[in-house]
Amino acid sequence: MQRVFESFKVLADRKKVIYDADVEALAEAQISSGEALWTLEAVTCNAGSATIPSAVVCLWHQEGRIEKQASTGDGPVDAVFKAIEHITGIEVTLRDYRVRSVTVGEDAQGEAHVEAEYNGRTVTGRAYSTDIIEASALAFLQVINHIVLRRAAANRIRPTENPSAEPVAVG
């Protein structure tokens, strides 16, 4: 509840009016977020009809270091995803990407849904923000964190059963 309240205060600074759906989205985000090896510190992007879409992503690693990466892509979201893949060393195949509004108005929260495939398994992430680029980065990072943590757990539980398991790339 404390994290939901802290998220509520941040959202209240961004929005003029808070709706029930906003509070529900904050609670859902906390429920589905889980443990994170990587946390989004900052994201910025540049896109338009007369420019190459680019992004700079800054991630904080659980060990305390900060990693930054710039990337270009087919659009700003693609550039963000590529930068996150480069920082974390995890490359996935994007299967589905959707953005929808969860509230109304010019300062509405958007929900980003990311579905990716990694080693034959489907992994999904979902995040909310008034900035859809940020929501997209958070949802994609949720996918990456699920993969990294699943690999780490598999290596701790059965270290001798899968000798060909790759170590987790963290930088």
C-alpha atoms as a PDB file:
ATOM      1  CA  MET A   1       0.000   0.000   0.000  1.00  0.00           C
ATOM      2  CA  GLN A   2       2.878   2.368   0.732  1.00  0.00           C
ATOM      3  CA  ARG A   3       4.234   1.982  -2.824  1.00  0.00           C
ATOM      4  CA  VAL A   4       0.763   2.590  -4.272  1.00  0.00           C
ATOM      5  CA  PHE A   5       0.455   5.736  -2.151  1.00  0.00           C
ATOM      6  CA  GLU A   6       3.893   6.967  -3.260  1.00  0.00           C
ATOM      7  CA  SER A   7       2.932   6.321  -6.889  1.00  0.00           C
ATOM      8  CA  PHE A   8      -0.344   8.167  -6.275  1.00  0.00           C
ATOM      9  CA  LYS A   9       1.535  11.258  -5.059  1.00  0.00           C
ATOM     10  CA  VAL A  10       3.740  11.234  -8.164  1.00  0.00           C
ATOM     11  CA  LEU A  11       0.684  10.850 -10.399  1.00  0.00           C
ATOM     12  CA  ALA A  12      -1.141  13.661  -8.575  1.00  0.00           C
ATOM     13  CA  ASP A  13       1.766  15.968  -9.418  1.00  0.00           C
ATOM     14  CA  ARG A  14       1.393  15.063 -13.119  1.00  0.00           C
ATOM     15  CA  LYS A  15      -2.396  15.165 -13.475  1.00  0.00           C
ATOM     16  CA  LYS A  16      -5.092  17.718 -12.787  1.00  0.00           C
ATOM     17  CA  VAL A  17      -7.798  15.153 -11.928  1.00  0.00           C
ATOM     18  CA  ILE A  18      -7.319  11.634 -10.519  1.00  0.00           C
ATOM     19  CA  TYR A  19      -9.970   9.086 -11.502  1.00  0.00           C
ATOM     20  CA  ASP A  20     -10.847   5.733  -9.933  1.00  0.00           C
ATOM     21  CA  ALA A  21      -9.282   4.053 -12.982  1.00  0.00           C
ATOM     22  CA  ASP A  22      -6.004   5.853 -12.211  1.00  0.00           C
ATOM     23  CA  VAL A  23      -5.925   4.408  -8.695  1.00  0.00           C
ATOM     24  CA  GLU A  24      -6.845   0.952 -10.027  1.00  0.00           C
ATOM     25  CA  ALA A  25      -3.989   1.187 -12.544  1.00  0.00           C
ATOM     26  CA  LEU A  26      -1.538   2.148  -9.778  1.00  0.00           C
ATOM     27  CA  ALA A  27      -2.612  -0.843  -7.684  1.00  0.00           C
ATOM     28  CA  GLU A  28      -2.435  -3.185 -10.701  1.00  0.00           C
ATOM     29  CA  ALA A  29       1.049  -1.922 -11.511  1.00  0.00           C
ATOM     30  CA  GLN A  30       2.261  -2.749  -8.000  1.00  0.00           C
ATOM     31  CA  ILE A  31       0.652  -6.182  -8.052  1.00  0.00           C
ATOM     32  CA  SER A  32       2.145  -7.173 -11.404  1.00  0.00           C
ATOM     33  CA  SER A  33       5.563  -5.536 -11.075  1.00  0.00           C
ATOM     34  CA  GLY A  34       7.375  -8.195  -8.991  1.00  0.00           C
ATOM     35  CA  GLU A  35      11.084  -8.273  -8.234  1.00  0.00           C
ATOM     36  CA  ALA A  36      13.313  -6.236 -10.519  1.00  0.00           C
ATOM     37  CA  LEU A  37      16.989  -6.613 -11.339  1.00  0.00           C
ATOM     38  CA  TRP A  38      16.788  -3.539 -13.600  1.00  0.00           C
ATOM     39  CA  THR A  39      14.850  -0.337 -12.869  1.00  0.00           C
ATOM     40  CA  LEU A  40      14.125   2.511 -15.272  1.00  0.00           C
ATOM     41  CA  GLU A  41      15.871   5.679 -14.144  1.00  0.00           C
ATOM     42  CA  ALA A  42      15.199   7.827 -17.218  1.00  0.00           C
ATOM     43  CA  VAL A  43      14.168   7.618 -20.830  1.00  0.00           C
ATOM     44  CA  THR A  44      14.194  10.257 -23.509  1.00  0.00           C
ATOM     45  CA  CYS A  45      13.446   9.986 -27.187  1.00  0.00           C
ATOM     46  CA  ASN A  46      13.369  12.012 -30.358  1.00  0.00           C
ATOM     47  CA  ALA A  47      11.053  11.300 -33.271  1.00  0.00           C
ATOM     48  CA  GLY A  48       9.314  13.103 -36.066  1.00  0.00           C
ATOM     49  CA  SER A  49       8.773  13.127 -39.795  1.00  0.00           C
ATOM     50  CA  ALA A  50      12.150  14.744 -40.516  1.00  0.00           C
ATOM     51  CA  THR A  51      14.381  12.890 -38.063  1.00  0.00           C
ATOM     52  CA  ILE A  52      15.652   9.401 -37.319  1.00  0.00           C
ATOM     53  CA  PRO A  53      13.842   8.057 -34.245  1.00  0.00           C
ATOM     54  CA  SER A  54      16.276   7.729 -31.355  1.00  0.00           C
ATOM     55  CA  ALA A  55      16.239   7.117 -27.624  1.00  0.00           C
ATOM     56  CA  VAL A  56      18.522   7.269 -24.624  1.00  0.00           C
ATOM     57  CA  VAL A  57      17.741   4.916 -21.752  1.00  0.00           C
ATOM     58  CA  CYS A  58      19.227   4.991 -18.273  1.00  0.00           C
ATOM     59  CA  LEU A  59      18.742   1.850 -16.156  1.00  0.00           C
ATOM     60  CA  TRP A  60      19.665   1.222 -12.549  1.00  0.00           C
ATOM     61  CA  HIS A  61      20.957  -2.264 -11.750  1.00  0.00           C
ATOM     62  CA  GLN A  62      20.122  -3.877  -8.408  1.00  0.00           C
ATOM     63  CA  GLU A  63      23.871  -3.976  -7.606  1.00  0.00           C
ATOM     64  CA  GLY A  64      23.879  -0.163  -7.569  1.00  0.00           C
ATOM     65  CA  ARG A  65      25.353   0.774 -10.923  1.00  0.00           C
ATOM     66  CA  ILE A  66      23.705   2.898 -13.595  1.00  0.00           C
ATOM     67  CA  GLU A  67      23.929   1.968 -17.279  1.00  0.00           C
ATOM     68  CA  LYS A  68      23.109   4.306 -20.179  1.00  0.00           C
ATOM     69  CA  GLN A  69      22.582   3.505 -23.839  1.00  0.00           C
ATOM     70  CA  ALA A  70      21.522   5.413 -26.942  1.00  0.00           C
ATOM     71  CA  SER A  71      19.845   3.687 -29.863  1.00  0.00           C
ATOM     72  CA  THR A  72      17.917   4.334 -33.059  1.00  0.00           C
ATOM     73  CA  GLY A  73      14.913   2.425 -34.328  1.00  0.00           C
ATOM     74  CA  ASP A  74      11.909   2.325 -36.615  1.00  0.00           C
ATOM     75  CA  GLY A  75      10.148   4.596 -34.106  1.00  0.00           C
ATOM     76  CA  PRO A  76      10.749   5.950 -30.615  1.00  0.00           C
ATOM     77  CA  VAL A  77       9.420   2.836 -28.874  1.00  0.00           C
ATOM     78  CA  ASP A  78      11.577   0.550 -31.025  1.00  0.00           C
ATOM     79  CA  ALA A  79      14.614   2.704 -30.185  1.00  0.00           C
ATOM     80  CA  VAL A  80      13.813   2.458 -26.457  1.00  0.00           C
ATOM     81  CA  PHE A  81      13.420  -1.324 -26.657  1.00  0.00           C
ATOM     82  CA  LYS A  82      16.734  -1.694 -28.522  1.00  0.00           C
ATOM     83  CA  ALA A  83      18.553   0.414 -25.931  1.00  0.00           C
ATOM     84  CA  ILE A  84      17.132  -1.734 -23.100  1.00  0.00           C
ATOM     85  CA  GLU A  85      18.161  -4.928 -24.908  1.00  0.00           C
ATOM     86  CA  HIS A  86      21.683  -3.581 -25.373  1.00  0.00           C
ATOM     87  CA  ILE A  87      22.070  -2.592 -21.708  1.00  0.00           C
ATOM     88  CA  THR A  88      20.688  -5.865 -20.316  1.00  0.00           C
ATOM     89  CA  GLY A  89      22.170  -8.198 -22.934  1.00  0.00           C
ATOM     90  CA  ILE A  90      18.754  -9.874 -23.389  1.00  0.00           C
ATOM     91  CA  GLU A  91      17.307  -9.904 -26.908  1.00  0.00           C
ATOM     92  CA  VAL A  92      13.712 -10.967 -27.425  1.00  0.00           C
ATOM     93  CA  THR A  93      11.322 -11.301 -30.343  1.00  0.00           C
ATOM     94  CA  LEU A  94       8.472  -8.856 -29.932  1.00  0.00           C
ATOM     95  CA  ARG A  95       5.159 -10.635 -30.603  1.00  0.00           C
ATOM     96  CA  ASP A  96       2.604  -8.033 -29.531  1.00  0.00           C
ATOM     97  CA  TYR A  97       2.688  -4.411 -28.459  1.00  0.00           C
ATOM     98  CA  ARG A  98      -0.391  -2.409 -27.517  1.00  0.00           C
ATOM     99  CA  VAL A  99      -1.096   0.928 -25.898  1.00  0.00           C
ATOM    100  CA  ARG A 100      -4.490   2.013 -24.611  1.00  0.00           C
ATOM    101  CA  SER A 101      -5.881   4.805 -22.507  1.00  0.00           C
ATOM    102  CA  VAL A 102      -7.101   3.816 -19.048  1.00  0.00           C
ATOM    103  CA  THR A 103      -8.565   7.209 -18.197  1.00  0.00           C
ATOM    104  CA  VAL A 104      -9.867  10.237 -20.099  1.00  0.00           C
ATOM    105  CA  GLY A 105      -8.502  13.683 -20.840  1.00  0.00           C
ATOM    106  CA  GLU A 106      -5.276  15.144 -22.104  1.00  0.00           C
ATOM    107  CA  ASP A 107      -3.375  13.884 -19.060  1.00  0.00           C
ATOM    108  CA  ALA A 108      -4.813  10.351 -19.237  1.00  0.00           C
ATOM    109  CA  GLN A 109      -2.776   7.386 -18.101  1.00  0.00           C
ATOM    110  CA  GLY A 110      -1.810   4.949 -20.804  1.00  0.00           C
ATOM    111  CA  GLU A 111      -1.329   1.225 -20.411  1.00  0.00           C
ATOM    112  CA  ALA A 112       1.410  -0.442 -22.433  1.00  0.00           C
ATOM    113  CA  HIS A 113       1.205  -4.185 -23.001  1.00  0.00           C
ATOM    114  CA  VAL A 114       4.261  -6.035 -24.327  1.00  0.00           C
ATOM    115  CA  GLU A 115       4.358  -9.685 -25.324  1.00  0.00           C
ATOM    116  CA  ALA A 116       7.719 -11.139 -26.317  1.00  0.00           C
ATOM    117  CA  GLU A 117       9.225 -14.524 -27.019  1.00  0.00           C
ATOM    118  CA  TYR A 118      12.477 -15.701 -25.505  1.00  0.00           C
ATOM    119  CA  ASN A 119      13.859 -19.226 -25.989  1.00  0.00           C
ATOM    120  CA  GLY A 120      10.447 -20.460 -27.125  1.00  0.00           C
ATOM    121  CA  ARG A 121       8.592 -19.035 -24.121  1.00  0.00           C
ATOM    122  CA  THR A 122       6.157 -16.129 -24.144  1.00  0.00           C
ATOM    123  CA  VAL A 123       6.705 -13.424 -21.550  1.00  0.00           C
ATOM    124  CA  THR A 124       4.393 -10.466 -21.000  1.00  0.00           C
ATOM    125  CA  GLY A 125       4.719  -7.111 -19.308  1.00  0.00           C
ATOM    126  CA  ARG A 126       2.254  -4.360 -18.555  1.00  0.00           C
ATOM    127  CA  ALA A 127       2.839  -0.861 -17.191  1.00  0.00           C
ATOM    128  CA  TYR A 128       1.040   2.447 -16.776  1.00  0.00           C
ATOM    129  CA  SER A 129       2.082   6.072 -17.090  1.00  0.00           C
ATOM    130  CA  THR A 130       0.827   9.403 -18.343  1.00  0.00           C
ATOM    131  CA  ASP A 131       3.757   9.126 -20.781  1.00  0.00           C
ATOM    132  CA  ILE A 132       3.227   6.205 -23.180  1.00  0.00           C
ATOM    133  CA  ILE A 133       6.945   5.999 -24.021  1.00  0.00           C
ATOM    134  CA  GLU A 134       7.698   5.582 -20.316  1.00  0.00           C
ATOM    135  CA  ALA A 135       4.872   3.031 -19.943  1.00  0.00           C
ATOM    136  CA  SER A 136       6.269   1.120 -22.931  1.00  0.00           C
ATOM    137  CA  ALA A 137       9.791   1.123 -21.460  1.00  0.00           C
ATOM    138  CA  LEU A 138       8.477  -0.058 -18.093  1.00  0.00           C
ATOM    139  CA  ALA A 139       6.443  -2.874 -19.666  1.00  0.00           C
ATOM    140  CA  PHE A 140       9.401  -4.007 -21.791  1.00  0.00           C
ATOM    141  CA  LEU A 141      11.699  -3.848 -18.781  1.00  0.00           C
ATOM    142  CA  GLN A 142       9.211  -6.004 -16.877  1.00  0.00           C
ATOM    143  CA  VAL A 143       9.593  -8.629 -19.625  1.00  0.00           C
ATOM    144  CA  ILE A 144      13.397  -8.426 -19.397  1.00  0.00           C
ATOM    145  CA  ASN A 145      13.321  -8.709 -15.587  1.00  0.00           C
ATOM    146  CA  HIS A 146      11.085 -11.799 -15.768  1.00  0.00           C
ATOM    147  CA  ILE A 147      13.554 -13.437 -18.161  1.00  0.00           C
ATOM    148  CA  VAL A 148      16.678 -12.562 -16.171  1.00  0.00           C
ATOM    149  CA  LEU A 149      15.170 -13.614 -12.843  1.00  0.00           C
ATOM    150  CA  ARG A 150      13.777 -16.853 -14.307  1.00  0.00           C
ATOM    151  CA  ARG A 151      17.216 -17.714 -15.723  1.00  0.00           C
ATOM    152  CA  ALA A 152      18.926 -16.892 -12.438  1.00  0.00           C
ATOM    153  CA  ALA A 153      16.433 -19.007 -10.475  1.00  0.00           C
ATOM    154  CA  ALA A 154      16.867 -21.941 -12.872  1.00  0.00           C
ATOM    155  CA  ASN A 155      20.658 -21.748 -12.512  1.00  0.00           C
ATOM    156  CA  ARG A 156      20.446 -21.657  -8.689  1.00  0.00           C
ATOM    157  CA  ILE A 157      17.993 -24.546  -8.432  1.00  0.00           C
ATOM    158  CA  ARG A 158      19.561 -26.927 -10.959  1.00  0.00           C
ATOM    159  CA  PRO A 159      23.138 -25.768 -11.550  1.00  0.00           C
ATOM    160  CA  THR A 160      24.370 -29.194 -12.720  1.00  0.00           C
ATOM    161  CA  GLU A 161      21.291 -30.266 -14.692  1.00  0.00           C
ATOM    162  CA  ASN A 162      21.765 -27.631 -17.398  1.00  0.00           C
ATOM    163  CA  PRO A 163      25.488 -27.148 -18.005  1.00  0.00           C
ATOM    164  CA  SER A 164      24.860 -25.268 -21.261  1.00  0.00           C
ATOM    165  CA  ALA A 165      22.859 -22.505 -19.517  1.00  0.00           C
ATOM    166  CA  GLU A 166      24.300 -19.114 -20.288  1.00  0.00           C
ATOM    167  CA  PRO A 167      25.201 -16.755 -17.469  1.00  0.00           C
ATOM    168  CA  VAL A 168      22.952 -13.712 -17.204  1.00  0.00           C
ATOM    169  CA  ALA A 169      24.435 -10.731 -19.048  1.00  0.00           C
ATOM    170  CA  VAL A 170      24.184  -7.625 -16.882  1.00  0.00           C
ATOM    171  CA  GLY A 171      26.089  -4.990 -18.687  1.00  0.00           C
END
